[in-house]
């Protein structure tokens, strides 16, 4: 879809307004492993990346160490009209573990109250903490973001589209 209403800037605005997503990693047998996570987004003036705070001993951390290919889906449910499919944004990309004191990761987690609740986390406790930094592929997949409900009702299959992350943000 090439509708001028839809851009990466619109999608980024939606992504920055949320903190919960579902991360899918690949386990040692090559199977997908999905888990709910809290995420933060890199500063607007830097390269676009998503950060997840996690422990060194978690399954998702070990999966990323073995295979950096991941996907992250962020859903936008309709709280009053539960029969309507959720809108979503889906990123594919590569993940890497970065230190707990990473500047962009720390900045990302200070932007939302629920993420700041992790500020008192002791990195020496329980095997330590790291950020999973997701560098997304340029193509971002979306459904329903920026559409009105009545618009989707008329043609729900028209709600799928993709946007490209601008080269200067990669």
C-alpha atoms as a PDB file:
ATOM      1  CA  UNK A   1       0.000   0.000   0.000  1.00  0.00           C
ATOM      2  CA  UNK A   2       1.382   3.442  -0.872  1.00  0.00           C
ATOM      3  CA  UNK A   3      -1.196   5.583   0.905  1.00  0.00           C
ATOM      4  CA  UNK A   4       0.586   8.811   1.903  1.00  0.00           C
ATOM      5  CA  UNK A   5      -1.179   8.773   5.301  1.00  0.00           C
ATOM      6  CA  UNK A   6       1.033   5.939   6.419  1.00  0.00           C
ATOM      7  CA  UNK A   7       4.687   6.545   7.186  1.00  0.00           C
ATOM      8  CA  UNK A   8       7.361   5.314   9.535  1.00  0.00           C
ATOM      9  CA  UNK A   9       6.880   8.490  11.576  1.00  0.00           C
ATOM     10  CA  UNK A  10       3.239   7.509  12.222  1.00  0.00           C
ATOM     11  CA  UNK A  11       4.221   3.968  13.162  1.00  0.00           C
ATOM     12  CA  UNK A  12       7.057   5.175  15.402  1.00  0.00           C
ATOM     13  CA  UNK A  13       4.621   7.431  17.255  1.00  0.00           C
ATOM     14  CA  UNK A  14       2.391   4.419  17.998  1.00  0.00           C
ATOM     15  CA  UNK A  15       5.375   2.277  19.040  1.00  0.00           C
ATOM     16  CA  UNK A  16       6.655   4.959  21.433  1.00  0.00           C
ATOM     17  CA  UNK A  17       3.228   5.121  23.120  1.00  0.00           C
ATOM     18  CA  UNK A  18       3.383   1.457  24.215  1.00  0.00           C
ATOM     19  CA  UNK A  19       5.665  -0.624  26.396  1.00  0.00           C
ATOM     20  CA  UNK A  20       4.385  -4.203  25.967  1.00  0.00           C
ATOM     21  CA  UNK A  21       5.097  -6.548  23.100  1.00  0.00           C
ATOM     22  CA  UNK A  22       5.685 -10.186  22.271  1.00  0.00           C
ATOM     23  CA  UNK A  23       9.263 -11.167  21.433  1.00  0.00           C
ATOM     24  CA  UNK A  24       9.893 -14.294  19.388  1.00  0.00           C
ATOM     25  CA  UNK A  25      13.334 -15.891  19.469  1.00  0.00           C
ATOM     26  CA  UNK A  26      14.589 -19.195  18.072  1.00  0.00           C
ATOM     27  CA  UNK A  27      15.386 -21.977  20.543  1.00  0.00           C
ATOM     28  CA  UNK A  28      18.229 -24.505  20.276  1.00  0.00           C
ATOM     29  CA  UNK A  29      16.018 -26.897  18.270  1.00  0.00           C
ATOM     30  CA  UNK A  30      15.119 -24.186  15.729  1.00  0.00           C
ATOM     31  CA  UNK A  31      11.601 -23.692  17.075  1.00  0.00           C
ATOM     32  CA  UNK A  32      10.053 -20.290  17.801  1.00  0.00           C
ATOM     33  CA  UNK A  33       9.850 -19.234  21.445  1.00  0.00           C
ATOM     34  CA  UNK A  34       7.537 -16.282  22.222  1.00  0.00           C
ATOM     35  CA  UNK A  35       7.346 -14.340  25.454  1.00  0.00           C
ATOM     36  CA  UNK A  36       5.707 -11.147  26.635  1.00  0.00           C
ATOM     37  CA  UNK A  37       8.172  -8.337  27.317  1.00  0.00           C
ATOM     38  CA  UNK A  38       8.405  -4.666  28.254  1.00  0.00           C
ATOM     39  CA  UNK A  39      10.360  -2.632  25.734  1.00  0.00           C
ATOM     40  CA  UNK A  40      11.789   0.845  25.305  1.00  0.00           C
ATOM     41  CA  UNK A  41      12.731   2.749  22.149  1.00  0.00           C
ATOM     42  CA  UNK A  42      16.038   4.446  21.375  1.00  0.00           C
ATOM     43  CA  UNK A  43      16.257   8.261  21.425  1.00  0.00           C
ATOM     44  CA  UNK A  44      14.566   9.922  18.415  1.00  0.00           C
ATOM     45  CA  UNK A  45      17.826  11.478  17.212  1.00  0.00           C
ATOM     46  CA  UNK A  46      19.704   8.151  17.146  1.00  0.00           C
ATOM     47  CA  UNK A  47      19.395   5.038  15.026  1.00  0.00           C
ATOM     48  CA  UNK A  48      16.055   3.317  15.614  1.00  0.00           C
ATOM     49  CA  UNK A  49      16.343   0.346  17.981  1.00  0.00           C
ATOM     50  CA  UNK A  50      14.201  -1.415  20.565  1.00  0.00           C
ATOM     51  CA  UNK A  51      15.505  -2.415  23.992  1.00  0.00           C
ATOM     52  CA  UNK A  52      14.376  -5.149  26.373  1.00  0.00           C
ATOM     53  CA  UNK A  53      15.754  -5.422  29.906  1.00  0.00           C
ATOM     54  CA  UNK A  54      16.355  -9.046  30.866  1.00  0.00           C
ATOM     55  CA  UNK A  55      18.475 -11.314  33.014  1.00  0.00           C
ATOM     56  CA  UNK A  56      21.498 -13.235  31.776  1.00  0.00           C
ATOM     57  CA  UNK A  57      19.851 -16.534  32.715  1.00  0.00           C
ATOM     58  CA  UNK A  58      16.531 -16.101  30.852  1.00  0.00           C
ATOM     59  CA  UNK A  59      15.588 -18.350  27.917  1.00  0.00           C
ATOM     60  CA  UNK A  60      15.222 -15.367  25.574  1.00  0.00           C
ATOM     61  CA  UNK A  61      18.750 -14.218  26.435  1.00  0.00           C
ATOM     62  CA  UNK A  62      20.245 -17.633  25.742  1.00  0.00           C
ATOM     63  CA  UNK A  63      18.266 -17.918  22.505  1.00  0.00           C
ATOM     64  CA  UNK A  64      19.601 -14.544  21.296  1.00  0.00           C
ATOM     65  CA  UNK A  65      23.155 -15.669  22.094  1.00  0.00           C
ATOM     66  CA  UNK A  66      22.658 -18.735  19.855  1.00  0.00           C
ATOM     67  CA  UNK A  67      20.585 -17.132  17.106  1.00  0.00           C
ATOM     68  CA  UNK A  68      20.167 -13.354  16.765  1.00  0.00           C
ATOM     69  CA  UNK A  69      17.106 -13.523  14.478  1.00  0.00           C
ATOM     70  CA  UNK A  70      14.005 -12.222  16.265  1.00  0.00           C
ATOM     71  CA  UNK A  71      10.621 -10.664  15.718  1.00  0.00           C
ATOM     72  CA  UNK A  72       8.724  -8.286  17.975  1.00  0.00           C
ATOM     73  CA  UNK A  73       5.015  -7.685  17.663  1.00  0.00           C
ATOM     74  CA  UNK A  74       3.225  -4.833  19.428  1.00  0.00           C
ATOM     75  CA  UNK A  75      -0.556  -5.106  19.550  1.00  0.00           C
ATOM     76  CA  UNK A  76      -3.177  -2.410  19.933  1.00  0.00           C
ATOM     77  CA  UNK A  77      -6.369  -4.080  21.166  1.00  0.00           C
ATOM     78  CA  UNK A  78      -9.805  -2.532  20.878  1.00  0.00           C
ATOM     79  CA  UNK A  79     -10.842  -2.474  24.534  1.00  0.00           C
ATOM     80  CA  UNK A  80     -14.527  -1.768  23.969  1.00  0.00           C
ATOM     81  CA  UNK A  81     -15.084  -3.706  20.755  1.00  0.00           C
ATOM     82  CA  UNK A  82     -13.417  -6.985  21.635  1.00  0.00           C
ATOM     83  CA  UNK A  83     -14.703  -8.739  18.500  1.00  0.00           C
ATOM     84  CA  UNK A  84     -12.587  -6.433  16.315  1.00  0.00           C
ATOM     85  CA  UNK A  85      -9.113  -7.791  15.477  1.00  0.00           C
ATOM     86  CA  UNK A  86      -6.191  -6.029  17.188  1.00  0.00           C
ATOM     87  CA  UNK A  87      -4.095  -3.602  15.217  1.00  0.00           C
ATOM     88  CA  UNK A  88      -0.376  -4.368  15.294  1.00  0.00           C
ATOM     89  CA  UNK A  89       3.147  -3.403  14.333  1.00  0.00           C
ATOM     90  CA  UNK A  90       5.653  -6.198  13.659  1.00  0.00           C
ATOM     91  CA  UNK A  91       9.413  -5.832  13.449  1.00  0.00           C
ATOM     92  CA  UNK A  92      11.855  -8.456  12.194  1.00  0.00           C
ATOM     93  CA  UNK A  93      15.481  -7.958  12.991  1.00  0.00           C
ATOM     94  CA  UNK A  94      18.643  -9.018  14.703  1.00  0.00           C
ATOM     95  CA  UNK A  95      19.227  -8.906  18.412  1.00  0.00           C
ATOM     96  CA  UNK A  96      22.374  -8.488  20.437  1.00  0.00           C
ATOM     97  CA  UNK A  97      23.090  -8.346  24.138  1.00  0.00           C
ATOM     98  CA  UNK A  98      24.382  -4.988  25.343  1.00  0.00           C
ATOM     99  CA  UNK A  99      25.531  -4.059  28.856  1.00  0.00           C
ATOM    100  CA  UNK A 100      23.098  -2.978  31.541  1.00  0.00           C
ATOM    101  CA  UNK A 101      24.677   0.505  31.483  1.00  0.00           C
ATOM    102  CA  UNK A 102      24.200   1.020  27.717  1.00  0.00           C
ATOM    103  CA  UNK A 103      23.420   4.708  27.181  1.00  0.00           C
ATOM    104  CA  UNK A 104      20.556   4.268  24.673  1.00  0.00           C
ATOM    105  CA  UNK A 105      19.046   1.340  26.591  1.00  0.00           C
ATOM    106  CA  UNK A 106      19.135   3.300  29.838  1.00  0.00           C
ATOM    107  CA  UNK A 107      17.588   6.348  28.118  1.00  0.00           C
ATOM    108  CA  UNK A 108      14.839   4.180  26.590  1.00  0.00           C
ATOM    109  CA  UNK A 109      13.886   2.719  29.973  1.00  0.00           C
ATOM    110  CA  UNK A 110      13.693   6.126  31.643  1.00  0.00           C
ATOM    111  CA  UNK A 111      10.959   7.370  29.296  1.00  0.00           C
ATOM    112  CA  UNK A 112       7.970   5.520  30.776  1.00  0.00           C
ATOM    113  CA  UNK A 113       6.886   5.042  34.373  1.00  0.00           C
ATOM    114  CA  UNK A 114       6.505   1.270  34.123  1.00  0.00           C
ATOM    115  CA  UNK A 115       9.976   1.002  32.619  1.00  0.00           C
ATOM    116  CA  UNK A 116      11.504   3.275  35.285  1.00  0.00           C
ATOM    117  CA  UNK A 117      10.297   0.785  37.886  1.00  0.00           C
ATOM    118  CA  UNK A 118      13.315  -1.277  36.824  1.00  0.00           C
ATOM    119  CA  UNK A 119      15.767   1.518  37.794  1.00  0.00           C
ATOM    120  CA  UNK A 120      16.479  -0.029  41.183  1.00  0.00           C
ATOM    121  CA  UNK A 121      17.412  -3.354  39.623  1.00  0.00           C
ATOM    122  CA  UNK A 122      20.769  -4.508  40.956  1.00  0.00           C
ATOM    123  CA  UNK A 123      22.832  -5.736  37.962  1.00  0.00           C
ATOM    124  CA  UNK A 124      24.891  -8.026  40.210  1.00  0.00           C
ATOM    125  CA  UNK A 125      21.807  -9.836  41.504  1.00  0.00           C
ATOM    126  CA  UNK A 126      20.707 -13.174  40.006  1.00  0.00           C
ATOM    127  CA  UNK A 127      23.359 -13.490  37.330  1.00  0.00           C
ATOM    128  CA  UNK A 128      23.148  -9.874  36.209  1.00  0.00           C
ATOM    129  CA  UNK A 129      21.042  -7.943  33.773  1.00  0.00           C
ATOM    130  CA  UNK A 130      21.553  -6.955  30.161  1.00  0.00           C
ATOM    131  CA  UNK A 131      19.592  -5.245  27.448  1.00  0.00           C
ATOM    132  CA  UNK A 132      18.534  -7.088  24.356  1.00  0.00           C
ATOM    133  CA  UNK A 133      18.954  -4.512  21.607  1.00  0.00           C
ATOM    134  CA  UNK A 134      16.874  -5.194  18.516  1.00  0.00           C
ATOM    135  CA  UNK A 135      18.043  -3.619  15.283  1.00  0.00           C
ATOM    136  CA  UNK A 136      15.058  -3.983  12.968  1.00  0.00           C
ATOM    137  CA  UNK A 137      15.104  -4.699   9.273  1.00  0.00           C
ATOM    138  CA  UNK A 138      14.059  -1.643   7.218  1.00  0.00           C
ATOM    139  CA  UNK A 139      10.604  -3.047   6.371  1.00  0.00           C
ATOM    140  CA  UNK A 140       8.020  -2.816   9.182  1.00  0.00           C
ATOM    141  CA  UNK A 141       4.730  -4.712   8.875  1.00  0.00           C
ATOM    142  CA  UNK A 142       1.487  -3.160  10.133  1.00  0.00           C
ATOM    143  CA  UNK A 143      -2.202  -3.844  10.365  1.00  0.00           C
ATOM    144  CA  UNK A 144      -4.823  -1.219  11.115  1.00  0.00           C
ATOM    145  CA  UNK A 145      -2.459   1.457  12.458  1.00  0.00           C
ATOM    146  CA  UNK A 146      -3.821   4.831  11.352  1.00  0.00           C
ATOM    147  CA  UNK A 147      -7.129   3.409  10.084  1.00  0.00           C
ATOM    148  CA  UNK A 148     -10.530   4.305  11.468  1.00  0.00           C
ATOM    149  CA  UNK A 149     -12.727   1.444  12.640  1.00  0.00           C
ATOM    150  CA  UNK A 150     -15.393   2.150  10.040  1.00  0.00           C
ATOM    151  CA  UNK A 151     -12.748   2.244   7.344  1.00  0.00           C
ATOM    152  CA  UNK A 152     -11.501  -1.219   8.351  1.00  0.00           C
ATOM    153  CA  UNK A 153     -15.058  -2.507   8.626  1.00  0.00           C
ATOM    154  CA  UNK A 154     -15.662  -1.748   4.960  1.00  0.00           C
ATOM    155  CA  UNK A 155     -12.542  -3.587   3.807  1.00  0.00           C
ATOM    156  CA  UNK A 156     -10.629  -5.286   6.610  1.00  0.00           C
ATOM    157  CA  UNK A 157      -8.166  -6.857   4.177  1.00  0.00           C
ATOM    158  CA  UNK A 158      -7.014  -3.361   3.191  1.00  0.00           C
ATOM    159  CA  UNK A 159      -5.652  -2.765   6.701  1.00  0.00           C
ATOM    160  CA  UNK A 160      -2.326  -4.531   6.060  1.00  0.00           C
ATOM    161  CA  UNK A 161       0.593  -2.470   4.848  1.00  0.00           C
ATOM    162  CA  UNK A 162       4.289  -1.965   5.403  1.00  0.00           C
ATOM    163  CA  UNK A 163       6.484   1.080   5.880  1.00  0.00           C
ATOM    164  CA  UNK A 164      10.226   1.527   5.527  1.00  0.00           C
ATOM    165  CA  UNK A 165      12.453   2.888   8.274  1.00  0.00           C
ATOM    166  CA  UNK A 166      14.295   5.861   6.756  1.00  0.00           C
ATOM    167  CA  UNK A 167      17.901   5.082   5.876  1.00  0.00           C
ATOM    168  CA  UNK A 168      19.200   7.788   8.220  1.00  0.00           C
ATOM    169  CA  UNK A 169      17.551   5.941  11.157  1.00  0.00           C
ATOM    170  CA  UNK A 170      19.073   2.525  10.351  1.00  0.00           C
END
